[in-house]
Amino acid sequence: MEGMSCPEMGVNYNMMTNSLGGKLNQWMTGLHGRYGDPRVYQMQQQEMQQQDARVEHQKAAKTADLLKNAYDARAEKNRETHTTRMSKRSSKRQPAASPQ
């Protein structure tokens, strides 16, 4: 009888291994069906991150452009105010009589 236990153990081990392997494959197939392939998910995540980065860059570029335009408009207004103030100041001044 003892001689028979070793082959039986080997057969039982093989059956258990095959059973667990099949169950694992079914579990993985179920996960893929429910959640999708992790590699595809990772690629989708990368695409979403790239799209988010593009949107952030576009927003930053638009904000920078708006700030530059506002700065340029303010600088132009300051120049005009300065020019007006200087021209009023110089027109109020009487030219000194030139010695002849």
N, C-alpha and C. Protein backbone atom coordinates (compact mmCIF):
# COMPACT_ATOMS: atom_id res chain seq x y z
N MET A 1 0.80 -1.19 0.00
CA MET A 1 0.00 0.00 0.00
C MET A 1 0.85 1.26 0.00
N GLU A 2 1.95 1.20 0.68
CA GLU A 2 2.78 2.39 0.74
C GLU A 2 3.34 2.75 -0.62
N GLY A 3 3.60 1.82 -1.44
CA GLY A 3 4.11 2.10 -2.77
C GLY A 3 3.10 2.83 -3.61
N MET A 4 1.83 2.68 -3.33
CA MET A 4 0.79 3.33 -4.11
C MET A 4 0.55 4.79 -3.70
N SER A 5 0.94 5.15 -2.49
CA SER A 5 0.66 6.51 -2.04
C SER A 5 1.47 7.55 -2.81
N CYS A 6 2.67 7.24 -3.19
CA CYS A 6 3.48 8.23 -3.91
C CYS A 6 2.90 8.56 -5.27
N PRO A 7 2.53 7.60 -6.10
CA PRO A 7 1.92 7.96 -7.38
C PRO A 7 0.59 8.68 -7.19
N GLU A 8 -0.17 8.31 -6.17
CA GLU A 8 -1.44 8.98 -5.92
C GLU A 8 -1.20 10.44 -5.52
N MET A 9 -0.17 10.66 -4.72
CA MET A 9 0.16 12.04 -4.33
C MET A 9 0.56 12.86 -5.56
N GLY A 10 1.31 12.27 -6.45
CA GLY A 10 1.71 12.97 -7.66
C GLY A 10 0.52 13.32 -8.53
N VAL A 11 -0.41 12.36 -8.66
CA VAL A 11 -1.62 12.60 -9.45
C VAL A 11 -2.46 13.68 -8.79
N ASN A 12 -2.64 13.57 -7.47
CA ASN A 12 -3.43 14.59 -6.76
C ASN A 12 -2.77 15.97 -6.86
N TYR A 13 -1.45 16.01 -6.77
CA TYR A 13 -0.72 17.29 -6.89
C TYR A 13 -0.96 17.89 -8.27
N ASN A 14 -0.88 17.07 -9.31
CA ASN A 14 -1.11 17.56 -10.68
C ASN A 14 -2.54 18.05 -10.86
N MET A 15 -3.51 17.30 -10.32
CA MET A 15 -4.91 17.71 -10.44
C MET A 15 -5.14 19.04 -9.70
N MET A 16 -4.57 19.17 -8.51
CA MET A 16 -4.72 20.41 -7.73
C MET A 16 -4.07 21.58 -8.47
N THR A 17 -2.89 21.37 -9.00
CA THR A 17 -2.18 22.43 -9.73
C THR A 17 -2.97 22.86 -10.96
N ASN A 18 -3.48 21.90 -11.71
CA ASN A 18 -4.28 22.23 -12.90
C ASN A 18 -5.57 22.94 -12.51
N SER A 19 -6.18 22.51 -11.42
CA SER A 19 -7.42 23.14 -10.97
C SER A 19 -7.17 24.58 -10.56
N LEU A 20 -6.13 24.80 -9.76
CA LEU A 20 -5.80 26.17 -9.33
C LEU A 20 -5.41 27.04 -10.52
N GLY A 21 -4.65 26.47 -11.46
CA GLY A 21 -4.27 27.23 -12.66
C GLY A 21 -5.49 27.65 -13.46
N GLY A 22 -6.45 26.74 -13.61
CA GLY A 22 -7.68 27.07 -14.33
C GLY A 22 -8.49 28.13 -13.61
N LYS A 23 -8.57 28.01 -12.29
CA LYS A 23 -9.31 29.01 -11.51
C LYS A 23 -8.63 30.37 -11.59
N LEU A 24 -7.31 30.38 -11.56
CA LEU A 24 -6.58 31.64 -11.68
C LEU A 24 -6.82 32.28 -13.04
N ASN A 25 -6.81 31.48 -14.09
CA ASN A 25 -7.09 32.02 -15.43
C ASN A 25 -8.51 32.58 -15.52
N GLN A 26 -9.47 31.88 -14.92
CA GLN A 26 -10.84 32.37 -14.91
C GLN A 26 -10.93 33.69 -14.14
N TRP A 27 -10.23 33.77 -13.03
CA TRP A 27 -10.24 34.99 -12.22
C TRP A 27 -9.65 36.16 -13.00
N MET A 28 -8.51 35.89 -13.68
CA MET A 28 -7.87 36.95 -14.48
C MET A 28 -8.78 37.37 -15.63
N THR A 29 -9.45 36.40 -16.27
CA THR A 29 -10.37 36.73 -17.36
C THR A 29 -11.53 37.58 -16.83
N GLY A 30 -12.02 37.23 -15.63
CA GLY A 30 -13.08 38.02 -15.01
C GLY A 30 -12.62 39.44 -14.71
N LEU A 31 -11.39 39.58 -14.22
CA LEU A 31 -10.86 40.92 -13.95
C LEU A 31 -10.73 41.73 -15.23
N HIS A 32 -10.23 41.09 -16.28
CA HIS A 32 -10.10 41.78 -17.57
C HIS A 32 -11.47 42.20 -18.09
N GLY A 33 -12.45 41.32 -17.93
CA GLY A 33 -13.80 41.66 -18.38
C GLY A 33 -14.41 42.78 -17.58
N ARG A 34 -14.13 42.79 -16.29
CA ARG A 34 -14.73 43.80 -15.42
C ARG A 34 -13.98 45.12 -15.48
N TYR A 35 -12.67 45.06 -15.44
CA TYR A 35 -11.87 46.29 -15.32
C TYR A 35 -11.01 46.60 -16.53
N GLY A 36 -10.90 45.69 -17.46
CA GLY A 36 -10.08 45.93 -18.63
C GLY A 36 -8.63 45.51 -18.40
N ASP A 37 -7.89 45.59 -19.45
CA ASP A 37 -6.48 45.21 -19.40
C ASP A 37 -5.67 46.30 -18.71
N PRO A 38 -4.85 45.95 -17.73
CA PRO A 38 -4.07 46.98 -17.03
C PRO A 38 -3.15 47.78 -17.95
N ARG A 39 -2.65 47.14 -19.00
CA ARG A 39 -1.77 47.87 -19.94
C ARG A 39 -2.55 48.92 -20.71
N VAL A 40 -3.78 48.56 -21.11
CA VAL A 40 -4.63 49.53 -21.81
C VAL A 40 -5.00 50.66 -20.86
N TYR A 41 -5.32 50.31 -19.62
CA TYR A 41 -5.65 51.32 -18.62
C TYR A 41 -4.49 52.28 -18.41
N GLN A 42 -3.27 51.74 -18.34
CA GLN A 42 -2.09 52.58 -18.15
C GLN A 42 -1.90 53.52 -19.35
N MET A 43 -2.10 53.02 -20.55
CA MET A 43 -1.97 53.87 -21.74
C MET A 43 -3.04 54.97 -21.73
N GLN A 44 -4.26 54.62 -21.32
CA GLN A 44 -5.32 55.62 -21.24
C GLN A 44 -4.98 56.69 -20.20
N GLN A 45 -4.42 56.25 -19.08
CA GLN A 45 -4.02 57.20 -18.04
C GLN A 45 -2.94 58.15 -18.57
N GLN A 46 -1.98 57.63 -19.30
CA GLN A 46 -0.92 58.47 -19.87
C GLN A 46 -1.51 59.48 -20.85
N GLU A 47 -2.43 59.04 -21.68
CA GLU A 47 -3.07 59.95 -22.64
C GLU A 47 -3.83 61.05 -21.91
N MET A 48 -4.54 60.68 -20.85
CA MET A 48 -5.28 61.67 -20.08
C MET A 48 -4.33 62.67 -19.42
N GLN A 49 -3.21 62.19 -18.90
CA GLN A 49 -2.23 63.08 -18.28
C GLN A 49 -1.62 64.02 -19.31
N GLN A 50 -1.34 63.50 -20.50
CA GLN A 50 -0.80 64.35 -21.56
C GLN A 50 -1.82 65.42 -21.97
N GLN A 51 -3.08 65.03 -22.07
CA GLN A 51 -4.12 65.98 -22.42
C GLN A 51 -4.26 67.04 -21.33
N ASP A 52 -4.22 66.63 -20.07
CA ASP A 52 -4.28 67.59 -18.96
C ASP A 52 -3.10 68.56 -19.02
N ALA A 53 -1.92 68.03 -19.33
CA ALA A 53 -0.73 68.89 -19.43
C ALA A 53 -0.89 69.90 -20.57
N ARG A 54 -1.46 69.46 -21.70
CA ARG A 54 -1.69 70.39 -22.82
C ARG A 54 -2.67 71.49 -22.41
N VAL A 55 -3.73 71.10 -21.72
CA VAL A 55 -4.73 72.09 -21.29
C VAL A 55 -4.10 73.10 -20.33
N GLU A 56 -3.32 72.61 -19.37
CA GLU A 56 -2.65 73.50 -18.42
C GLU A 56 -1.69 74.45 -19.13
N HIS A 57 -0.97 73.92 -20.12
CA HIS A 57 -0.03 74.77 -20.87
C HIS A 57 -0.78 75.84 -21.64
N GLN A 58 -1.90 75.47 -22.27
CA GLN A 58 -2.69 76.44 -23.02
C GLN A 58 -3.24 77.51 -22.10
N LYS A 59 -3.71 77.11 -20.91
CA LYS A 59 -4.22 78.09 -19.96
C LYS A 59 -3.11 79.03 -19.51
N ALA A 60 -1.93 78.48 -19.24
CA ALA A 60 -0.81 79.31 -18.80
C ALA A 60 -0.39 80.28 -19.90
N ALA A 61 -0.36 79.79 -21.14
CA ALA A 61 0.02 80.66 -22.26
C ALA A 61 -1.01 81.77 -22.46
N LYS A 62 -2.29 81.44 -22.32
CA LYS A 62 -3.35 82.45 -22.48
C LYS A 62 -3.26 83.48 -21.37
N THR A 63 -3.03 83.02 -20.15
CA THR A 63 -2.90 83.94 -19.02
C THR A 63 -1.70 84.85 -19.21
N ALA A 64 -0.58 84.29 -19.65
CA ALA A 64 0.61 85.09 -19.89
C ALA A 64 0.35 86.13 -20.97
N ASP A 65 -0.36 85.75 -22.02
CA ASP A 65 -0.68 86.68 -23.10
C ASP A 65 -1.59 87.81 -22.59
N LEU A 66 -2.59 87.45 -21.80
CA LEU A 66 -3.48 88.48 -21.24
C LEU A 66 -2.72 89.43 -20.33
N LEU A 67 -1.83 88.90 -19.50
CA LEU A 67 -1.05 89.75 -18.61
C LEU A 67 -0.12 90.67 -19.40
N LYS A 68 0.48 90.14 -20.46
CA LYS A 68 1.37 90.96 -21.29
C LYS A 68 0.58 92.09 -21.95
N ASN A 69 -0.61 91.76 -22.47
CA ASN A 69 -1.43 92.80 -23.10
C ASN A 69 -1.84 93.86 -22.08
N ALA A 70 -2.22 93.45 -20.88
CA ALA A 70 -2.60 94.40 -19.84
C ALA A 70 -1.41 95.28 -19.45
N TYR A 71 -0.23 94.67 -19.34
CA TYR A 71 0.97 95.44 -19.01
C TYR A 71 1.29 96.45 -20.10
N ASP A 72 1.23 96.00 -21.36
CA ASP A 72 1.52 96.90 -22.48
C ASP A 72 0.53 98.07 -22.53
N ALA A 73 -0.76 97.76 -22.30
CA ALA A 73 -1.77 98.83 -22.31
C ALA A 73 -1.51 99.82 -21.18
N ARG A 74 -1.18 99.32 -20.00
CA ARG A 74 -0.90 100.20 -18.86
C ARG A 74 0.35 101.04 -19.13
N ALA A 75 1.39 100.42 -19.70
CA ALA A 75 2.61 101.16 -20.00
C ALA A 75 2.34 102.26 -21.02
N GLU A 76 1.53 101.96 -22.03
CA GLU A 76 1.19 102.97 -23.04
C GLU A 76 0.40 104.12 -22.40
N LYS A 77 -0.53 103.78 -21.53
CA LYS A 77 -1.30 104.83 -20.85
C LYS A 77 -0.39 105.68 -19.98
N ASN A 78 0.55 105.07 -19.29
CA ASN A 78 1.50 105.82 -18.46
C ASN A 78 2.36 106.75 -19.32
N ARG A 79 2.78 106.26 -20.49
CA ARG A 79 3.58 107.10 -21.39
C ARG A 79 2.77 108.32 -21.85
N GLU A 80 1.51 108.07 -22.21
CA GLU A 80 0.66 109.18 -22.65
C GLU A 80 0.45 110.19 -21.52
N THR A 81 0.20 109.69 -20.32
CA THR A 81 0.01 110.59 -19.18
C THR A 81 1.27 111.40 -18.93
N HIS A 82 2.41 110.74 -19.01
CA HIS A 82 3.68 111.44 -18.79
C HIS A 82 3.91 112.49 -19.87
N THR A 83 3.65 112.13 -21.12
CA THR A 83 3.84 113.08 -22.22
C THR A 83 2.92 114.28 -22.05
N THR A 84 1.67 114.04 -21.70
CA THR A 84 0.72 115.13 -21.49
C THR A 84 1.18 116.03 -20.35
N ARG A 85 1.59 115.40 -19.25
CA ARG A 85 2.03 116.19 -18.09
C ARG A 85 3.27 117.01 -18.43
N MET A 86 4.21 116.44 -19.16
CA MET A 86 5.43 117.17 -19.51
C MET A 86 5.13 118.30 -20.50
N SER A 87 4.21 118.05 -21.43
CA SER A 87 3.89 119.11 -22.40
C SER A 87 3.16 120.27 -21.71
N LYS A 88 2.30 119.99 -20.75
CA LYS A 88 1.64 121.05 -19.99
C LYS A 88 2.66 121.83 -19.17
N ARG A 89 3.58 121.13 -18.61
CA ARG A 89 4.58 121.78 -17.77
C ARG A 89 5.47 122.70 -18.60
N SER A 90 5.86 122.22 -19.78
CA SER A 90 6.74 123.05 -20.60
C SER A 90 5.97 124.21 -21.25
N SER A 91 4.66 124.05 -21.47
CA SER A 91 3.91 125.17 -22.05
C SER A 91 3.64 126.25 -21.00
N LYS A 92 3.58 125.89 -19.74
CA LYS A 92 3.38 126.87 -18.67
C LYS A 92 4.64 127.69 -18.44
N ARG A 93 5.75 127.13 -18.71
CA ARG A 93 7.01 127.84 -18.50
C ARG A 93 7.20 128.89 -19.56
N GLN A 94 7.53 130.03 -19.13
CA GLN A 94 7.82 131.09 -20.08
C GLN A 94 9.28 130.98 -20.50
N PRO A 95 9.49 131.10 -21.78
CA PRO A 95 10.89 131.04 -22.21
C PRO A 95 11.65 132.25 -21.69
N ALA A 96 12.83 132.02 -21.22
CA ALA A 96 13.66 133.10 -20.69
C ALA A 96 14.03 134.05 -21.81
N ALA A 97 14.08 135.34 -21.48
CA ALA A 97 14.46 136.33 -22.49
C ALA A 97 15.92 136.14 -22.84
N SER A 98 16.12 136.10 -24.09
CA SER A 98 17.51 135.88 -24.51
C SER A 98 18.26 137.21 -24.51
N PRO A 99 19.43 137.25 -23.96
CA PRO A 99 20.22 138.50 -23.95
C PRO A 99 20.69 138.85 -25.35
N GLN A 100 20.51 140.09 -25.72
CA GLN A 100 20.95 140.52 -27.05
C GLN A 100 21.93 141.62 -26.96
